[in-house]
C-alpha atoms as a PDB file:
ATOM      1  CA  MET A   1       8.861 -18.893  -0.290  1.00  0.00           C
ATOM      2  CA  VAL A   2       7.749 -16.191  -2.732  1.00  0.00           C
ATOM      3  CA  LYS A   3      10.426 -15.162  -5.188  1.00  0.00           C
ATOM      4  CA  GLU A   4      10.857 -11.675  -6.614  1.00  0.00           C
ATOM      5  CA  THR A   5       9.976 -11.174 -10.263  1.00  0.00           C
ATOM      6  CA  ASN A   6      12.459  -9.507 -12.578  1.00  0.00           C
ATOM      7  CA  PHE A   7      10.373  -8.757 -15.640  1.00  0.00           C
ATOM      8  CA  GLU A   8      12.060  -9.087 -19.019  1.00  0.00           C
ATOM      9  CA  ILE A   9      10.925  -7.692 -22.356  1.00  0.00           C
ATOM     10  CA  GLY A  10       9.579 -10.453 -24.597  1.00  0.00           C
ATOM     11  CA  GLN A  11       8.856 -12.845 -21.718  1.00  0.00           C
ATOM     12  CA  THR A  12       5.392 -14.014 -20.685  1.00  0.00           C
ATOM     13  CA  TYR A  13       3.821 -13.874 -17.241  1.00  0.00           C
ATOM     14  CA  THR A  14       0.352 -14.518 -15.865  1.00  0.00           C
ATOM     15  CA  ASN A  15      -1.841 -12.223 -13.808  1.00  0.00           C
ATOM     16  CA  ARG A  16      -5.521 -12.534 -12.884  1.00  0.00           C
ATOM     17  CA  LYS A  17      -6.602 -11.566 -16.402  1.00  0.00           C
ATOM     18  CA  GLY A  18      -4.436 -14.178 -18.093  1.00  0.00           C
ATOM     19  CA  THR A  19      -1.068 -14.663 -19.720  1.00  0.00           C
ATOM     20  CA  TYR A  20       0.584 -11.553 -21.120  1.00  0.00           C
ATOM     21  CA  LYS A  21       3.818 -10.591 -22.831  1.00  0.00           C
ATOM     22  CA  VAL A  22       6.033  -7.725 -21.685  1.00  0.00           C
ATOM     23  CA  VAL A  23       6.387  -5.342 -24.629  1.00  0.00           C
ATOM     24  CA  ALA A  24       8.432  -2.550 -23.023  1.00  0.00           C
ATOM     25  CA  ILE A  25       9.769  -1.433 -19.659  1.00  0.00           C
ATOM     26  CA  ASP A  26      10.678   2.164 -18.820  1.00  0.00           C
ATOM     27  CA  GLY A  27      11.556   2.576 -15.160  1.00  0.00           C
ATOM     28  CA  ASN A  28       8.521   1.456 -13.162  1.00  0.00           C
ATOM     29  CA  VAL A  29       6.170   1.609 -16.189  1.00  0.00           C
ATOM     30  CA  MET A  30       5.739  -1.421 -18.384  1.00  0.00           C
ATOM     31  CA  HIS A  31       3.589  -2.122 -21.412  1.00  0.00           C
ATOM     32  CA  ILE A  32       2.029  -5.549 -21.625  1.00  0.00           C
ATOM     33  CA  SER A  33      -0.118  -7.262 -24.253  1.00  0.00           C
ATOM     34  CA  TRP A  34      -2.436 -10.235 -24.304  1.00  0.00           C
ATOM     35  CA  LYS A  35      -3.006 -12.684 -27.170  1.00  0.00           C
ATOM     36  CA  ASP A  36      -6.182 -10.833 -28.191  1.00  0.00           C
ATOM     37  CA  GLY A  37      -4.049  -7.777 -29.042  1.00  0.00           C
ATOM     38  CA  GLN A  38      -5.087  -5.653 -26.079  1.00  0.00           C
ATOM     39  CA  GLU A  39      -2.142  -3.660 -24.759  1.00  0.00           C
ATOM     40  CA  VAL A  40      -1.979  -1.644 -21.534  1.00  0.00           C
ATOM     41  CA  ALA A  41       0.508   0.382 -19.547  1.00  0.00           C
ATOM     42  CA  THR A  42       0.869  -0.763 -15.957  1.00  0.00           C
ATOM     43  CA  THR A  43       3.528  -0.614 -13.289  1.00  0.00           C
ATOM     44  CA  VAL A  44       6.214  -3.114 -12.448  1.00  0.00           C
ATOM     45  CA  THR A  45       5.237  -2.633  -8.795  1.00  0.00           C
ATOM     46  CA  LEU A  46       1.600  -3.587  -9.395  1.00  0.00           C
ATOM     47  CA  GLN A  47       2.365  -6.614 -11.555  1.00  0.00           C
ATOM     48  CA  SER A  48       4.980  -7.817  -9.049  1.00  0.00           C
ATOM     49  CA  ARG A  49       2.417  -7.542  -6.248  1.00  0.00           C
ATOM     50  CA  ILE A  50      -0.176  -9.487  -8.268  1.00  0.00           C
ATOM     51  CA  LEU A  51       2.309 -12.281  -9.038  1.00  0.00           C
ATOM     52  CA  LYS A  52       3.379 -12.407  -5.391  1.00  0.00           C
ATOM     53  CA  HIS A  53      -0.239 -12.778  -4.234  1.00  0.00           C
ATOM     54  CA  ILE A  54      -0.898 -15.525  -6.797  1.00  0.00           C
ATOM     55  CA  GLN A  55       2.219 -17.385  -5.619  1.00  0.00           C
ATOM     56  CA  LEU A  56       1.129 -17.049  -1.981  1.00  0.00           C
ATOM     57  CA  GLU A  57      -2.320 -18.431  -2.813  1.00  0.00           C
ATOM     58  CA  LEU A  58      -0.748 -21.439  -4.528  1.00  0.00           C
ATOM     59  CA  GLU A  59       1.678 -22.104  -1.661  1.00  0.00           C
ATOM     60  CA  GLU A  60      -0.700 -21.467   1.247  1.00  0.00           C
ATOM     61  CA  PRO A  61      -4.305 -21.743   0.024  1.00  0.00           C
ATOM     62  CA  THR A  62      -5.839 -21.957   3.497  1.00  0.00           C
ATOM     63  CA  VAL A  63      -4.291 -18.678   4.615  1.00  0.00           C
ATOM     64  CA  THR A  64      -5.628 -16.689   1.664  1.00  0.00           C
ATOM     65  CA  LYS A  65      -9.128 -18.174   1.847  1.00  0.00           C
ATOM     66  CA  ALA A  66      -9.822 -17.152   5.427  1.00  0.00           C
ATOM     67  CA  VAL A  67     -13.197 -15.530   5.987  1.00  0.00           C
ATOM     68  CA  SER A  68     -13.030 -11.851   6.752  1.00  0.00           C
ATOM     69  CA  PRO A  69     -14.439 -10.931  10.176  1.00  0.00           C
ATOM     70  CA  ARG A  70     -16.635  -8.384   8.400  1.00  0.00           C
ATOM     71  CA  LYS A  71     -18.283 -11.149   6.391  1.00  0.00           C
ATOM     72  CA  ARG A  72     -19.235 -13.461   9.240  1.00  0.00           C
ATOM     73  CA  ALA A  73     -22.567 -15.152   8.784  1.00  0.00           C
ATOM     74  CA  SER A  74     -25.179 -14.061  11.265  1.00  0.00           C
ATOM     75  CA  ALA A  75     -27.272 -16.721  12.951  1.00  0.00           C
ATOM     76  CA  ALA A  76     -30.968 -16.682  12.178  1.00  0.00           C
ATOM     77  CA  VAL A  77     -33.240 -16.740  15.206  1.00  0.00           C
ATOM     78  CA  SER A  78     -36.647 -18.380  15.031  1.00  0.00           C
ATOM     79  CA  ILE A  79     -39.346 -17.631  17.549  1.00  0.00           C
END
């Protein structure tokens, strides 16, 4: 089961770019920084969604790795 994330200032979390620290939260906007010093403004909604998807992938890897019907391999025909 995927749990909701309640972000806290000063705590670290991991998204697809890596581990970051929450610097500030103002409503739905939060500022995060990585170890290399890069800091960005993002939304709590977006970061929650990213963490939820990562958790789902870890819990149910076969569901998230399904091949999209648009990417089906076409069979080659030899004559």
